[in-house]
Amino acid sequence: MSLFWRIFSLNAAGLVVAAALLLGPVTVSTPVLPAEALVVVAGLAVLLAANAGVLRFGLAPLHRLGRAMATADLLRPGARAEVAGPAETAALIGTYNAMLDRLAAERAAGAARALDAQERERRRVARELHDEVGQTLTAVLLQLKRVADRVPAELRAEVGQVQEATRAGLDEIRRIARRLRPGVLEELGLPSALRALAGEFTGRGLTVRPDLAPALPPLPAETELVLYRVAQEALTNTARHSGAERAEVCLRADADGTVELLVRDDGRGVGDAPEGAGISGMRERALLVGATLTVVPAPDGGTDVRLRIPGAGRIPGPGRTPGAGRIPGPGRTPGVGRIPGPAQIPAGGAR
């Protein structure tokens, strides 16, 4: 029964009873006798209580809908208001839930386009760093090597310092390019990329230990990129803000194909601090692959960043190596176009 008919029926019943009493043997004297006043007051109290009960019962779903609307967050999908109550209220709650689903889908599509544009821009910047800055610094190192062989002995120390500064700048450019465009992920697969990421963050008081399952299901390229970027952002937050000494990157897969990434540290934890752009960005990426992201305190202190992707794929059978046989993209040859490392620069350029 709709809320309108509930209230109308109760009011109609009260009015019918009052009319029947007035037309019946019940009368009200003048002045009003105490017994008659008691009967009128009791009847009025029963009618008001019944009205209050009907209204509270009928409007309770609207109160629940209000609380759901106040706490709705499109970055945490799945929480929907319970469809209950009278027909009008149930229809309103159902419409609100449908609106949330539509907004979540539109937000996910918009985030996908934005993140895809961001990845393209990362690749463009990484290529320019390699093609322009990296090659220029390499040429400078080669020229400095030739100059170092000709300068007087008293100036060789200063030339050597310039060589070291140039080499350090080249290493920094190479590190930035790796973070902007994870070539290891494209060429060797997710486990190798996560090991390289752990090695990159190890140092300066932080030790990162990778703990990766030996068998992982074959994952789409988009899913692997989301896992890598979430691990990268979580380790960045650990290195910058947590004050942790140890961190761990775990990657597991269940028999049903659910893949879970866990980044745990022993730092100060998130406490009551509001979520920043880094965590919001991780949540945006999680939505792209239908994953759930949780950031909670670790059991022994610190922070747990957990990304769970249900049904990502089946674990390959024996004899199959995940990531093996990965074919480079069109026009791409593995190892070509990398910024030269220290071993590729003539030994005479180093001190």
Protein backbone atom coordinates (compact mmCIF):
# COMPACT_ATOMS: atom_id res chain seq x y z
CA MET A 1 0.00 0.00 0.00
CA SER A 2 1.29 3.45 -0.88
CA LEU A 3 2.00 6.05 1.77
CA PHE A 4 -0.94 8.17 0.59
CA TRP A 5 -3.48 5.37 1.04
CA ARG A 6 -2.01 4.37 4.39
CA ILE A 7 -2.47 7.87 5.83
CA PHE A 8 -5.85 8.38 4.12
CA SER A 9 -7.19 5.04 5.38
CA LEU A 10 -6.14 5.77 8.95
CA ASN A 11 -7.64 9.27 8.91
CA ALA A 12 -10.82 7.97 7.26
CA ALA A 13 -11.15 5.26 9.90
CA GLY A 14 -10.76 7.84 12.66
CA LEU A 15 -13.36 10.14 11.13
CA VAL A 16 -15.80 7.27 10.56
CA VAL A 17 -15.48 6.16 14.18
CA ALA A 18 -15.97 9.74 15.40
CA ALA A 19 -19.08 10.17 13.24
CA ALA A 20 -20.49 6.85 14.41
CA LEU A 21 -20.01 7.85 18.01
CA LEU A 22 -21.68 11.21 17.47
CA LEU A 23 -24.67 9.60 15.74
CA GLY A 24 -24.91 6.86 18.35
CA PRO A 25 -25.85 6.94 21.99
CA VAL A 26 -22.63 8.68 22.98
CA THR A 27 -23.22 12.34 23.83
CA VAL A 28 -21.23 15.22 25.26
CA SER A 29 -22.94 17.17 28.00
CA THR A 30 -22.72 20.86 28.66
CA PRO A 31 -20.73 21.38 30.73
CA VAL A 32 -18.52 18.37 29.83
CA LEU A 33 -18.47 15.64 32.40
CA PRO A 34 -15.07 14.22 33.48
CA ALA A 35 -15.90 10.76 32.12
CA GLU A 36 -16.88 12.21 28.74
CA ALA A 37 -13.71 14.31 28.57
CA LEU A 38 -11.64 11.23 29.38
CA VAL A 39 -13.21 9.28 26.52
CA VAL A 40 -12.60 12.13 24.03
CA VAL A 41 -8.99 12.60 25.13
CA ALA A 42 -8.32 8.86 24.96
CA GLY A 43 -9.79 8.63 21.46
CA LEU A 44 -7.74 11.62 20.31
CA ALA A 45 -4.56 10.11 21.79
CA VAL A 46 -5.18 6.79 20.01
CA LEU A 47 -5.76 8.60 16.70
CA LEU A 48 -2.61 10.72 17.09
CA ALA A 49 -0.52 7.67 18.06
CA ALA A 50 -1.79 5.75 15.06
CA ASN A 51 -0.97 8.69 12.76
CA ALA A 52 2.50 9.00 14.27
CA GLY A 53 3.14 5.28 13.83
CA VAL A 54 2.05 5.29 10.21
CA LEU A 55 4.13 8.36 9.39
CA ARG A 56 7.25 7.07 11.15
CA PHE A 57 6.95 3.68 9.48
CA GLY A 58 6.27 5.24 6.11
CA LEU A 59 9.00 7.90 6.27
CA ALA A 60 11.75 5.70 7.74
CA PRO A 61 12.96 4.63 4.27
CA LEU A 62 13.29 8.31 3.34
CA HIS A 63 15.50 8.89 6.38
CA ARG A 64 17.66 5.94 5.34
CA LEU A 65 17.82 7.34 1.82
CA GLY A 66 18.94 10.70 3.19
CA ARG A 67 21.77 9.07 5.13
CA ALA A 68 22.80 7.07 2.07
CA MET A 69 22.85 10.23 -0.06
CA ALA A 70 24.94 12.07 2.53
CA THR A 71 27.57 9.30 2.62
CA ALA A 72 27.57 8.31 -1.07
CA ASP A 73 31.04 8.14 -2.64
CA LEU A 74 31.49 7.14 -6.28
CA LEU A 75 35.07 6.07 -5.52
CA ARG A 76 33.68 3.36 -3.23
CA PRO A 77 31.15 1.56 -5.42
CA GLY A 78 28.71 -1.05 -4.20
CA ALA A 79 27.03 0.81 -1.32
CA ARG A 80 23.40 1.37 -2.27
CA ALA A 81 20.31 2.35 -0.29
CA GLU A 82 17.97 -0.48 0.65
CA VAL A 83 14.81 -0.52 -1.48
CA ALA A 84 11.99 -0.75 1.06
CA GLY A 85 8.90 1.02 2.31
CA PRO A 86 5.73 2.18 0.51
CA ALA A 87 5.48 2.09 -3.26
CA GLU A 88 6.40 5.76 -3.82
CA THR A 89 9.37 5.57 -1.46
CA ALA A 90 10.61 2.28 -2.95
CA ALA A 91 10.35 3.78 -6.44
CA LEU A 92 12.31 6.86 -5.31
CA ILE A 93 15.07 4.74 -3.73
CA GLY A 94 15.25 2.54 -6.83
CA THR A 95 15.58 5.63 -9.03
CA TYR A 96 18.34 6.99 -6.79
CA ASN A 97 20.25 3.68 -6.95
CA ALA A 98 19.90 3.63 -10.74
CA MET A 99 21.21 7.19 -10.86
CA LEU A 100 24.22 6.18 -8.76
CA ASP A 101 24.93 3.26 -11.10
CA ARG A 102 24.73 5.56 -14.10
CA LEU A 103 26.99 8.17 -12.49
CA ALA A 104 29.49 5.49 -11.50
CA ALA A 105 29.56 4.15 -15.06
CA GLU A 106 30.00 7.65 -16.50
CA ARG A 107 32.71 8.46 -13.97
CA ALA A 108 34.54 5.22 -14.75
CA ALA A 109 34.37 5.97 -18.49
CA GLY A 110 35.61 9.51 -17.93
CA ALA A 111 38.39 8.31 -15.65
CA ALA A 112 39.40 5.72 -18.24
CA ARG A 113 39.73 8.41 -20.90
CA ALA A 114 41.64 10.72 -18.55
CA LEU A 115 44.03 8.01 -17.39
CA ASP A 116 44.58 6.81 -20.95
CA ALA A 117 45.48 10.36 -21.95
CA GLN A 118 47.76 10.56 -18.91
CA GLU A 119 49.57 7.36 -19.91
CA ARG A 120 50.01 8.63 -23.47
CA GLU A 121 51.45 11.85 -22.12
CA ARG A 122 53.78 9.90 -19.84
CA ARG A 123 55.04 7.91 -22.81
CA ARG A 124 55.54 11.08 -24.84
CA VAL A 125 57.50 12.79 -22.07
CA ALA A 126 59.60 9.66 -21.53
CA ARG A 127 60.45 9.49 -25.23
CA GLU A 128 61.41 13.14 -25.28
CA LEU A 129 63.59 12.69 -22.21
CA HIS A 130 65.34 9.84 -23.98
CA ASP A 131 65.58 11.33 -27.44
CA GLU A 132 66.54 14.84 -26.37
CA VAL A 133 67.93 15.14 -22.86
CA GLY A 134 69.32 11.61 -22.54
CA GLN A 135 71.15 11.62 -25.85
CA THR A 136 72.44 15.14 -25.24
CA LEU A 137 73.90 14.16 -21.86
CA THR A 138 75.45 11.06 -23.42
CA ALA A 139 77.12 13.21 -26.06
CA VAL A 140 78.35 15.58 -23.34
CA LEU A 141 79.91 12.66 -21.47
CA LEU A 142 81.73 11.52 -24.62
CA GLN A 143 83.01 15.04 -25.26
CA LEU A 144 84.14 15.38 -21.66
CA LYS A 145 86.05 12.13 -22.02
CA ARG A 146 87.96 13.51 -24.99
CA VAL A 147 88.59 16.79 -23.15
CA ALA A 148 89.80 14.95 -20.04
CA ASP A 149 92.57 13.32 -22.10
CA ARG A 150 93.89 16.74 -23.21
CA VAL A 151 93.55 19.09 -20.25
CA PRO A 152 96.48 19.79 -17.96
CA ALA A 153 96.87 17.56 -14.92
CA GLU A 154 95.79 20.32 -12.51
CA LEU A 155 92.39 20.60 -14.25
CA ARG A 156 91.59 16.90 -14.55
CA ALA A 157 90.01 16.76 -11.10
CA GLU A 158 87.58 19.52 -12.00
CA VAL A 159 86.75 17.88 -15.34
CA GLY A 160 86.19 14.63 -13.47
CA GLN A 161 83.71 16.36 -11.16
CA VAL A 162 81.84 17.67 -14.20
CA GLN A 163 81.78 14.14 -15.61
CA GLU A 164 80.34 12.75 -12.39
CA ALA A 165 77.70 15.48 -12.21
CA THR A 166 76.72 14.81 -15.82
CA ARG A 167 76.57 11.07 -15.17
CA ALA A 168 74.38 11.67 -12.09
CA GLY A 169 72.05 13.81 -14.19
CA LEU A 170 71.87 11.07 -16.82
CA ASP A 171 71.04 8.49 -14.15
CA GLU A 172 68.29 10.75 -12.81
CA ILE A 173 66.85 11.24 -16.29
CA ARG A 174 66.90 7.49 -16.81
CA ARG A 175 65.14 6.93 -13.48
CA ILE A 176 62.44 9.49 -14.30
CA ALA A 177 61.90 7.94 -17.72
CA ARG A 178 61.51 4.48 -16.16
CA ARG A 179 58.88 5.77 -13.76
CA LEU A 180 57.01 7.60 -16.49
CA ARG A 181 57.00 4.64 -18.87
CA PRO A 182 57.51 1.19 -17.32
CA GLY A 183 59.30 -0.53 -20.19
CA VAL A 184 60.02 -3.54 -17.98
CA LEU A 185 56.25 -4.07 -17.64
CA GLU A 186 55.77 -4.10 -21.39
CA GLU A 187 58.73 -6.33 -22.17
CA LEU A 188 59.11 -8.73 -19.23
CA GLY A 189 55.72 -8.74 -17.52
CA LEU A 190 54.23 -7.72 -14.20
CA PRO A 191 56.36 -9.82 -11.76
CA SER A 192 59.63 -8.50 -13.21
CA ALA A 193 58.27 -4.95 -13.18
CA LEU A 194 57.27 -5.22 -9.50
CA ARG A 195 60.71 -6.63 -8.58
CA ALA A 196 62.38 -3.74 -10.41
CA LEU A 197 60.03 -1.31 -8.63
CA ALA A 198 60.94 -2.77 -5.24
CA GLY A 199 64.62 -2.44 -6.07
CA GLU A 200 64.13 1.16 -7.14
CA PHE A 201 62.58 2.14 -3.80
CA THR A 202 65.07 0.17 -1.71
CA GLY A 203 67.63 2.48 -0.20
CA ARG A 204 67.89 5.61 1.96
CA GLY A 205 66.56 3.83 5.02
CA LEU A 206 63.79 1.84 3.31
CA THR A 207 63.95 -1.83 2.36
CA VAL A 208 61.24 -3.15 0.04
CA ARG A 209 60.82 -6.91 -0.26
CA PRO A 210 58.86 -8.38 -3.18
CA ASP A 211 56.77 -11.48 -2.43
CA LEU A 212 55.23 -12.59 -5.72
CA ALA A 213 53.32 -15.78 -6.41
CA PRO A 214 55.13 -18.17 -8.79
CA ALA A 215 51.97 -18.70 -10.88
CA LEU A 216 49.72 -15.85 -11.94
CA PRO A 217 46.81 -15.85 -14.38
CA PRO A 218 47.29 -14.13 -17.73
CA LEU A 219 46.10 -10.59 -17.25
CA PRO A 220 45.04 -7.91 -19.76
CA ALA A 221 47.52 -5.12 -20.32
CA GLU A 222 45.17 -2.61 -18.66
CA THR A 223 44.95 -4.74 -15.51
CA GLU A 224 48.73 -5.15 -15.31
CA LEU A 225 49.17 -1.39 -15.69
CA VAL A 226 46.65 -0.71 -12.89
CA LEU A 227 48.44 -3.16 -10.57
CA TYR A 228 51.82 -1.59 -11.36
CA ARG A 229 50.63 2.01 -10.91
CA VAL A 230 48.88 1.24 -7.62
CA ALA A 231 52.03 -0.45 -6.28
CA GLN A 232 54.11 2.50 -7.50
CA GLU A 233 51.87 5.09 -5.83
CA ALA A 234 51.64 3.10 -2.59
CA LEU A 235 55.45 2.80 -2.38
CA THR A 236 55.80 6.50 -3.20
CA ASN A 237 53.52 7.37 -0.28
CA THR A 238 55.48 4.98 1.94
CA ALA A 239 58.81 6.53 1.01
CA ARG A 240 57.60 10.13 1.37
CA HIS A 241 55.21 10.14 4.30
CA SER A 242 55.27 6.99 6.43
CA GLY A 243 58.79 7.03 7.85
CA ALA A 244 58.86 3.24 7.40
CA GLU A 245 62.00 1.13 7.44
CA ARG A 246 60.53 -1.95 5.76
CA ALA A 247 57.85 -2.48 3.15
CA GLU A 248 56.53 -5.50 1.32
CA VAL A 249 54.89 -5.92 -2.08
CA CYS A 250 52.80 -9.10 -2.27
CA LEU A 251 50.96 -10.38 -5.34
CA ARG A 252 48.72 -13.43 -5.08
CA ALA A 253 46.11 -15.20 -7.19
CA ASP A 254 43.35 -17.54 -6.04
CA ALA A 255 42.18 -20.62 -7.89
CA ASP A 256 39.06 -18.75 -9.02
CA GLY A 257 41.20 -16.13 -10.76
CA THR A 258 41.01 -13.39 -8.12
CA VAL A 259 44.24 -11.36 -8.05
CA GLU A 260 45.25 -9.43 -4.95
CA LEU A 261 48.03 -6.89 -4.53
CA LEU A 262 49.14 -5.92 -1.02
CA VAL A 263 51.63 -3.17 -0.18
CA ARG A 264 52.39 -3.17 3.55
CA ASP A 265 54.78 -0.99 5.52
CA ASP A 266 55.77 -0.55 9.17
CA GLY A 267 55.48 3.23 9.23
CA ARG A 268 53.30 5.66 11.14
CA GLY A 269 50.06 4.73 9.37
CA VAL A 270 47.43 6.99 7.85
CA GLY A 271 45.71 7.92 11.13
CA ASP A 272 42.89 10.42 10.70
CA ALA A 273 44.51 12.25 7.79
CA PRO A 274 42.16 12.86 4.83
CA GLU A 275 42.83 10.99 1.63
CA GLY A 276 45.03 12.90 -0.76
CA ALA A 277 45.33 12.91 -4.53
CA GLY A 278 47.50 9.79 -4.49
CA ILE A 279 44.92 7.53 -2.85
CA SER A 280 42.12 9.08 -4.90
CA GLY A 281 44.10 8.31 -8.03
CA MET A 282 44.52 4.70 -6.92
CA ARG A 283 40.76 4.43 -6.37
CA GLU A 284 40.14 5.85 -9.84
CA ARG A 285 42.41 3.22 -11.36
CA ALA A 286 40.77 0.45 -9.35
CA LEU A 287 37.38 1.38 -10.82
CA LEU A 288 38.72 0.85 -14.33
CA VAL A 289 39.17 -2.90 -13.78
CA GLY A 290 36.30 -3.49 -11.37
CA ALA A 291 38.64 -3.82 -8.39
CA THR A 292 38.22 -2.82 -4.76
CA LEU A 293 40.90 -0.77 -3.00
CA THR A 294 41.21 -0.60 0.77
CA VAL A 295 43.68 1.49 2.78
CA VAL A 296 43.65 0.32 6.41
CA PRO A 297 46.08 0.08 9.34
CA ALA A 298 48.38 -2.95 9.19
CA PRO A 299 48.08 -5.60 11.94
CA ASP A 300 51.45 -4.67 13.49
CA GLY A 301 51.35 -0.95 12.74
CA GLY A 302 51.86 0.85 9.49
CA THR A 303 49.53 0.77 6.51
CA ASP A 304 48.02 -1.90 4.28
CA VAL A 305 47.10 -0.91 0.72
CA ARG A 306 45.14 -3.82 -0.74
CA LEU A 307 43.87 -4.04 -4.32
CA ARG A 308 41.59 -6.98 -5.08
CA ILE A 309 40.52 -7.82 -8.63
CA PRO A 310 37.86 -10.57 -8.67
CA GLY A 311 37.89 -13.03 -11.55
CA ALA A 312 40.86 -11.45 -13.30
CA GLY A 313 41.85 -14.75 -14.95
CA ARG A 314 42.68 -18.40 -14.39
CA ILE A 315 46.04 -19.57 -13.09
CA PRO A 316 47.96 -21.16 -15.99
CA GLY A 317 48.60 -24.87 -15.91
CA PRO A 318 51.96 -26.56 -15.25
CA GLY A 319 54.70 -25.77 -17.69
CA ARG A 320 53.39 -22.37 -18.58
CA THR A 321 55.29 -19.31 -17.47
CA PRO A 322 53.25 -16.14 -16.97
CA GLY A 323 54.55 -13.32 -19.11
CA ALA A 324 56.65 -15.62 -21.27
CA GLY A 325 56.39 -15.13 -24.97
CA ARG A 326 55.29 -11.53 -24.60
CA ILE A 327 55.38 -9.91 -28.02
CA PRO A 328 56.52 -6.30 -28.25
CA GLY A 329 54.13 -3.79 -29.78
CA PRO A 330 54.26 -2.89 -33.48
CA GLY A 331 57.51 -1.33 -34.51
CA ARG A 332 59.08 -1.98 -31.11
CA THR A 333 62.20 -3.98 -30.50
CA PRO A 334 63.03 -4.92 -26.91
CA GLY A 335 66.02 -3.06 -25.57
CA VAL A 336 66.10 -0.54 -28.40
CA GLY A 337 65.64 3.10 -27.58
CA ARG A 338 66.71 2.87 -23.96
CA ILE A 339 68.80 5.58 -22.39
CA PRO A 340 72.31 4.17 -22.20
CA GLY A 341 73.33 2.97 -18.77
CA PRO A 342 76.70 3.34 -17.15
CA ALA A 343 78.00 0.14 -18.76
CA GLN A 344 77.24 1.55 -22.22
CA ILE A 345 79.34 4.69 -21.79
CA PRO A 346 83.05 4.33 -22.53
CA ALA A 347 85.02 3.48 -19.42
CA GLY A 348 87.30 6.42 -19.95
CA GLY A 349 84.43 8.74 -19.09
CA ALA A 350 84.21 7.49 -15.50
CA ARG A 351 86.50 8.11 -12.63
